[in-house]
Protein backbone atom coordinates (compact mmCIF):
# COMPACT_ATOMS: atom_id res chain seq x y z
CA MET A 1 -129.20 190.55 75.01
CA ASN A 2 -127.68 191.62 78.35
CA ASP A 3 -129.51 194.47 80.23
CA GLU A 4 -125.93 196.14 80.36
CA VAL A 5 -123.38 196.12 77.30
CA ARG A 6 -119.73 197.61 77.53
CA ILE A 7 -118.32 199.24 74.31
CA GLY A 8 -114.93 199.54 73.76
CA THR A 9 -113.29 202.20 71.99
CA ARG A 10 -110.35 204.48 71.55
CA GLY A 11 -109.97 207.41 73.81
CA SER A 12 -109.51 210.21 71.35
CA ALA A 13 -112.11 212.88 70.72
CA LEU A 14 -113.04 211.49 67.52
CA ALA A 15 -113.55 207.92 68.43
CA LEU A 16 -115.72 208.99 71.17
CA GLU A 17 -117.83 210.90 68.98
CA GLN A 18 -118.24 208.29 66.74
CA THR A 19 -119.00 205.68 69.23
CA ARG A 20 -121.61 207.80 71.16
CA ARG A 21 -123.30 207.96 67.17
CA VAL A 22 -123.47 203.94 67.13
CA VAL A 23 -124.74 203.98 70.76
CA ASP A 24 -127.48 206.16 70.04
CA ALA A 25 -128.21 203.98 67.27
CA LEU A 26 -128.44 201.22 69.64
CA VAL A 27 -130.34 202.82 72.21
CA ALA A 28 -133.13 203.68 69.45
CA VAL A 29 -133.73 199.93 68.64
CA SER A 30 -133.15 199.04 72.45
CA PRO A 31 -134.22 201.19 74.85
CA GLY A 32 -134.06 199.00 77.74
CA THR A 33 -130.15 198.25 77.59
CA ARG A 34 -128.00 200.08 79.27
CA PHE A 35 -124.31 200.89 77.02
CA GLU A 36 -121.67 201.66 79.15
CA ILE A 37 -118.09 203.22 77.25
CA GLN A 38 -114.98 201.90 77.80
CA THR A 39 -111.64 203.37 76.38
CA ILE A 40 -108.94 201.29 75.52
CA THR A 41 -105.35 202.40 74.18
CA SER A 42 -103.98 201.21 71.25
CA LYS A 43 -100.52 200.51 69.87
CA GLY A 44 -100.98 203.47 67.77
CA ASP A 45 -101.92 205.75 70.62
CA ASP A 46 -99.06 204.82 72.59
CA ASN A 47 -96.62 205.46 69.89
CA PRO A 48 -97.66 208.92 68.70
CA ASP A 49 -95.01 209.87 66.76
CA ASP A 50 -93.95 206.54 65.06
CA PRO A 51 -95.09 206.21 61.30
CA ILE A 52 -98.05 204.12 60.75
CA GLU A 53 -96.28 201.79 58.43
CA GLY A 54 -93.85 200.96 60.65
CA LEU A 55 -96.00 199.75 63.41
CA GLY A 56 -97.63 196.69 61.32
CA VAL A 57 -101.47 195.97 60.48
CA GLY A 58 -104.23 196.48 62.93
CA VAL A 59 -101.50 199.02 65.00
CA PHE A 60 -105.25 200.94 66.28
CA THR A 61 -107.39 197.80 66.55
CA THR A 62 -105.44 194.64 68.23
CA ALA A 63 -105.94 195.63 71.72
CA ILE A 64 -109.75 196.46 71.34
CA GLU A 65 -109.91 193.32 69.82
CA GLN A 66 -107.76 191.22 72.36
CA ALA A 67 -110.70 192.89 74.87
CA LEU A 68 -113.37 191.48 72.93
CA HIS A 69 -111.74 188.07 73.28
CA GLU A 70 -110.89 188.49 77.14
CA HIS A 71 -114.22 189.60 77.72
CA HIS A 72 -113.40 193.13 79.26
CA ILE A 73 -115.94 194.61 76.65
CA ASP A 74 -118.65 193.27 74.36
CA LEU A 75 -118.77 195.14 71.21
CA ALA A 76 -115.93 197.37 69.86
CA VAL A 77 -116.54 200.74 67.85
CA GLN A 78 -113.80 201.24 65.32
CA SER A 79 -113.37 203.06 61.76
CA LEU A 80 -113.98 200.72 59.19
CA LYS A 81 -110.76 201.69 57.07
CA ASP A 82 -108.66 200.88 60.13
CA LEU A 83 -109.99 196.88 60.45
CA PRO A 84 -107.82 194.31 58.49
CA THR A 85 -109.92 192.88 56.00
CA ILE A 86 -109.45 189.66 57.04
CA GLU A 87 -111.42 188.84 59.70
CA THR A 88 -110.05 187.87 63.27
CA PRO A 89 -111.42 184.36 64.22
CA GLY A 90 -113.62 184.39 66.55
CA LEU A 91 -114.95 188.06 65.91
CA VAL A 92 -117.20 189.53 63.09
CA VAL A 93 -117.09 193.01 61.69
CA ILE A 94 -120.28 194.76 61.15
CA PRO A 95 -120.42 198.05 59.02
CA VAL A 96 -123.04 200.29 60.71
CA MET A 97 -124.99 203.39 59.89
CA GLU A 98 -124.68 205.42 57.02
CA ARG A 99 -121.52 206.72 56.38
CA ASP A 100 -119.90 209.76 56.37
CA ASP A 101 -118.32 211.96 53.43
CA PRO A 102 -115.13 209.43 52.46
CA ARG A 103 -113.12 211.73 50.69
CA ASP A 104 -109.91 213.02 51.64
CA VAL A 105 -109.87 216.69 52.05
CA LEU A 106 -106.88 219.63 52.04
CA VAL A 107 -106.39 222.19 54.80
CA ASN A 108 -103.47 224.61 54.09
CA ARG A 109 -102.37 228.18 54.92
CA TRP A 110 -102.98 229.98 51.49
CA GLY A 111 -106.58 228.74 51.35
CA LYS A 112 -105.91 227.45 47.76
CA GLU A 113 -106.90 223.95 45.56
CA PHE A 114 -104.32 221.22 45.61
CA ILE A 115 -103.91 222.25 41.72
CA ASN A 116 -103.04 225.89 42.83
CA LEU A 117 -100.64 224.93 45.81
CA PRO A 118 -96.91 226.79 45.36
CA ALA A 119 -94.60 224.42 43.82
CA GLY A 120 -92.35 223.26 46.97
CA ALA A 121 -95.23 223.45 49.19
CA THR A 122 -94.84 221.39 52.31
CA ILE A 123 -98.14 219.03 52.87
CA GLY A 124 -98.41 216.57 55.89
CA THR A 125 -99.41 213.22 55.65
CA GLY A 126 -98.16 209.75 56.63
CA SER A 127 -100.58 207.72 53.92
CA PRO A 128 -98.70 206.17 51.53
CA ARG A 129 -101.98 206.27 49.05
CA ARG A 130 -102.36 209.56 49.47
CA ILE A 131 -98.85 210.63 48.56
CA ALA A 132 -98.77 208.24 45.59
CA GLN A 133 -101.97 209.36 44.14
CA LEU A 134 -100.88 213.30 44.95
CA LYS A 135 -97.37 212.80 43.55
CA HIS A 136 -98.82 211.54 40.29
CA GLY A 137 -100.81 215.11 39.80
CA ARG A 138 -98.07 217.46 41.65
CA LYS A 139 -94.29 215.92 41.54
CA ASP A 140 -93.28 219.08 42.79
CA ILE A 141 -94.88 219.25 46.12
CA ARG A 142 -92.91 218.05 49.18
CA PHE A 143 -95.21 215.47 51.41
CA THR A 144 -93.77 214.74 54.73
CA PRO A 145 -94.94 212.59 57.75
CA ILE A 146 -97.36 213.69 60.33
CA ARG A 147 -98.99 211.69 63.10
CA GLY A 148 -101.46 212.54 65.79
CA ASN A 149 -105.37 212.78 66.32
CA VAL A 150 -107.23 215.54 64.15
CA GLU A 151 -107.30 218.40 66.38
CA THR A 152 -103.31 217.77 66.69
CA ARG A 153 -102.94 217.60 63.05
CA LEU A 154 -105.31 220.70 62.24
CA HIS A 155 -103.02 222.39 64.78
CA LYS A 156 -99.85 221.38 62.99
CA ALA A 157 -100.83 222.49 59.66
CA GLN A 158 -101.06 226.42 61.22
CA THR A 159 -96.86 225.80 62.26
CA ALA A 160 -94.01 226.78 60.05
CA ASP A 161 -93.47 223.01 59.68
CA TYR A 162 -96.34 222.38 57.31
CA ASP A 163 -98.37 224.60 54.41
CA GLY A 164 -101.00 222.05 54.92
CA ILE A 165 -102.28 218.49 55.67
CA VAL A 166 -104.51 216.03 53.91
CA LEU A 167 -106.83 214.14 56.03
CA ALA A 168 -110.17 212.09 55.71
CA ALA A 169 -113.12 214.51 55.50
CA ALA A 170 -115.59 212.17 57.86
CA GLY A 171 -113.36 212.99 61.19
CA VAL A 172 -112.57 216.48 60.57
CA ARG A 173 -116.83 216.95 59.90
CA ARG A 174 -117.99 214.83 62.93
CA LEU A 175 -115.93 216.92 65.38
CA GLY A 176 -117.07 219.97 63.74
CA MET A 177 -114.45 221.42 62.26
CA GLU A 178 -114.96 221.53 58.62
CA GLU A 179 -114.70 225.52 58.52
CA GLN A 180 -111.10 224.40 58.32
CA ILE A 181 -111.18 222.57 55.29
CA THR A 182 -110.05 224.37 52.02
CA GLU A 183 -110.78 221.46 49.20
CA TYR A 184 -112.59 218.18 49.00
CA LEU A 185 -110.51 216.08 46.91
CA SER A 186 -112.30 214.43 43.68
CA PRO A 187 -111.94 210.58 44.52
CA HIS A 188 -110.63 210.23 41.04
CA ILE A 189 -107.86 212.56 42.20
CA CYS A 190 -107.41 211.05 45.62
CA ALA A 191 -109.31 207.65 45.78
CA PRO A 192 -110.44 207.21 49.66
CA ALA A 193 -108.96 204.20 51.54
CA PRO A 194 -111.41 201.40 51.20
CA GLY A 195 -114.14 201.90 53.71
CA GLN A 196 -113.24 205.28 54.53
CA GLY A 197 -115.86 207.15 56.16
CA ALA A 198 -117.69 204.14 57.54
CA LEU A 199 -117.91 203.06 61.12
CA ALA A 200 -118.20 199.43 61.99
CA VAL A 201 -118.93 197.13 65.19
CA GLN A 202 -116.99 194.46 66.31
CA GLY A 203 -118.43 191.51 67.99
CA ARG A 204 -117.91 188.14 69.07
CA SER A 205 -119.21 185.40 66.39
CA HIS A 206 -121.48 183.59 69.20
CA ASP A 207 -123.11 186.58 70.56
CA ILE A 208 -125.83 185.65 68.18
CA ASP A 209 -128.66 188.03 69.94
CA LEU A 210 -126.41 190.97 70.55
CA LEU A 211 -124.95 190.85 66.95
CA ALA A 212 -128.83 190.79 65.61
CA THR A 213 -129.39 194.09 67.71
CA VAL A 214 -126.05 195.53 65.58
CA LEU A 215 -127.39 194.23 62.54
CA VAL A 216 -130.78 196.41 62.84
CA ILE A 217 -128.51 199.74 62.68
CA THR A 218 -126.85 198.70 59.62
CA HIS A 219 -127.27 201.05 56.11
CA ARG A 220 -127.66 198.99 53.24
CA PRO A 221 -125.99 201.10 50.30
CA THR A 222 -123.12 201.51 52.72
CA VAL A 223 -122.50 197.81 53.13
CA ALA A 224 -122.74 197.06 49.71
CA ALA A 225 -120.11 199.86 48.85
CA VAL A 226 -117.56 199.20 51.71
CA LYS A 227 -117.80 195.45 51.18
CA ALA A 228 -116.82 195.83 47.51
CA GLU A 229 -113.83 198.39 48.35
CA ARG A 230 -112.43 196.06 51.20
CA GLU A 231 -112.65 193.06 48.47
CA VAL A 232 -110.43 195.28 46.16
CA LEU A 233 -107.94 195.65 48.87
CA LYS A 234 -108.19 191.90 50.31
CA SER A 235 -107.61 190.36 46.68
CA ALA A 236 -104.32 192.30 46.60
CA GLY A 237 -103.86 190.22 49.82
CA SER A 238 -102.05 193.09 51.62
CA GLY A 239 -103.13 195.32 54.59
CA CYS A 240 -104.27 199.27 54.61
CA GLN A 241 -100.89 200.42 54.02
CA LEU A 242 -101.08 199.55 50.48
CA PRO A 243 -101.27 202.66 48.16
CA ILE A 244 -105.08 201.17 46.82
CA GLY A 245 -107.92 203.74 46.52
CA THR A 246 -111.39 202.72 46.11
CA TYR A 247 -115.13 204.81 46.01
CA GLY A 248 -118.13 202.65 45.62
CA GLN A 249 -121.37 204.32 44.87
CA VAL A 250 -124.79 202.76 45.26
CA GLU A 251 -127.32 203.99 42.59
CA GLY A 252 -130.91 202.08 42.92
CA GLU A 253 -129.63 198.69 42.82
CA THR A 254 -126.23 199.18 40.93
CA LEU A 255 -122.93 199.17 42.93
CA LYS A 256 -120.47 201.37 40.98
CA LEU A 257 -116.82 200.68 41.66
CA PHE A 258 -113.80 202.98 40.71
CA ALA A 259 -110.61 201.26 41.99
CA THR A 260 -106.67 202.80 41.76
CA VAL A 261 -103.11 201.70 42.57
CA THR A 262 -100.52 203.75 42.40
CA ALA A 263 -96.86 203.69 42.42
CA THR A 264 -95.49 205.38 45.52
CA ASP A 265 -93.32 207.65 43.63
CA GLY A 266 -96.57 208.48 41.62
CA SER A 267 -94.66 207.30 38.59
CA MET A 268 -97.78 205.67 37.30
CA SER A 269 -101.11 204.90 38.30
CA TYR A 270 -103.59 202.17 37.12
CA ARG A 271 -107.64 203.27 36.94
CA VAL A 272 -110.55 201.35 36.64
CA GLN A 273 -114.38 201.42 37.06
CA VAL A 274 -116.52 198.61 37.33
CA SER A 275 -120.57 198.36 37.98
CA GLY A 276 -122.57 195.45 39.70
CA ALA A 277 -125.53 194.46 41.64
CA THR A 278 -125.57 195.72 44.89
CA GLU A 279 -126.32 192.06 46.28
CA ASP A 280 -123.14 190.76 45.01
CA PRO A 281 -120.32 193.56 46.46
CA GLU A 282 -117.41 191.08 46.75
CA VAL A 283 -118.05 190.09 43.10
CA VAL A 284 -117.80 193.90 42.20
CA GLY A 285 -114.70 194.50 44.10
CA ARG A 286 -112.88 191.00 42.71
CA ALA A 287 -113.79 192.42 39.26
CA ALA A 288 -112.08 195.41 39.90
CA TYR A 289 -108.83 193.84 41.50
CA LEU A 290 -108.75 191.72 37.72
CA GLN A 291 -109.36 194.29 35.80
CA LEU A 292 -106.33 196.38 37.74
CA ILE A 293 -104.37 193.13 36.84
CA GLU A 294 -105.15 193.06 33.49
CA GLN A 295 -103.87 196.59 32.69
CA GLY A 296 -100.70 195.74 34.12
CA ALA A 297 -101.21 196.56 37.80
CA GLY A 298 -99.94 193.20 39.14
CA GLU A 299 -96.56 193.51 39.08
CA LEU A 300 -96.67 196.98 40.49
CA MET A 301 -98.47 195.80 43.47
CA ARG A 302 -95.93 192.89 44.02
CA GLY A 303 -93.16 195.16 44.24
CA LEU A 304 -95.36 197.25 46.96
CA VAL A 305 -95.63 194.29 49.36
CA ARG A 306 -92.30 193.13 49.36
């Protein structure tokens, strides 16, 4: 492996903190290597006020992947949930380290749990998945788009435009701001995005020695869980904007996977729970998808991707 490795990431405080954690892990297994962090601006960063769903798949990842292809960087650190389920040709995605809490969290002005929010409360989130699932339980809540990094969204939650926000627990925790969390939402109420809470390293598929070093810092239960989760979304044939939620847990050699797809207006929701071997996470994910289809979710998913 080279004596110096350039690692690309977005420039937000969260992205830099996540990258530093990965670098610390890599230094521990390759102490003779110097790792240099380089920041790269994504399409999502350049368009902070535009709805994410209108910017397309790969909104936070394409610029970084291009830097890898052009050899401006050697590795990239990404949030796994932002990466498309179909790998970019010539690049490899490796989930690394033990993932943080995959759940979504609620922050609100009253310090109340979601079930006890006042009717008509305005909650900020731009995620179709979150909106669909939370509408299924509370049709009297108003959801409105919100953009920005974690700090910006937490600040907006205290303004007159919002009564609260929903966002990923992992980002809030990694920035040491968990005291602002009102409630950790149950994965069976608001199932996370596939791979949420996990970090991934991308590299060029031909850089065998470098990838071998990255593989040393993987966490087997995390890899199994996120591969199963992402297989559900991959089987559905869509990007990260489809309102599919998944939650994988490893117990010994058994992988348990909860998966759900919900109509965007919250009117209907299909839910399944499957189990399988940790050695076959893609099989478990595919089984969950097929069970959703058997329940009748196929027509709903086809309508959502049009």
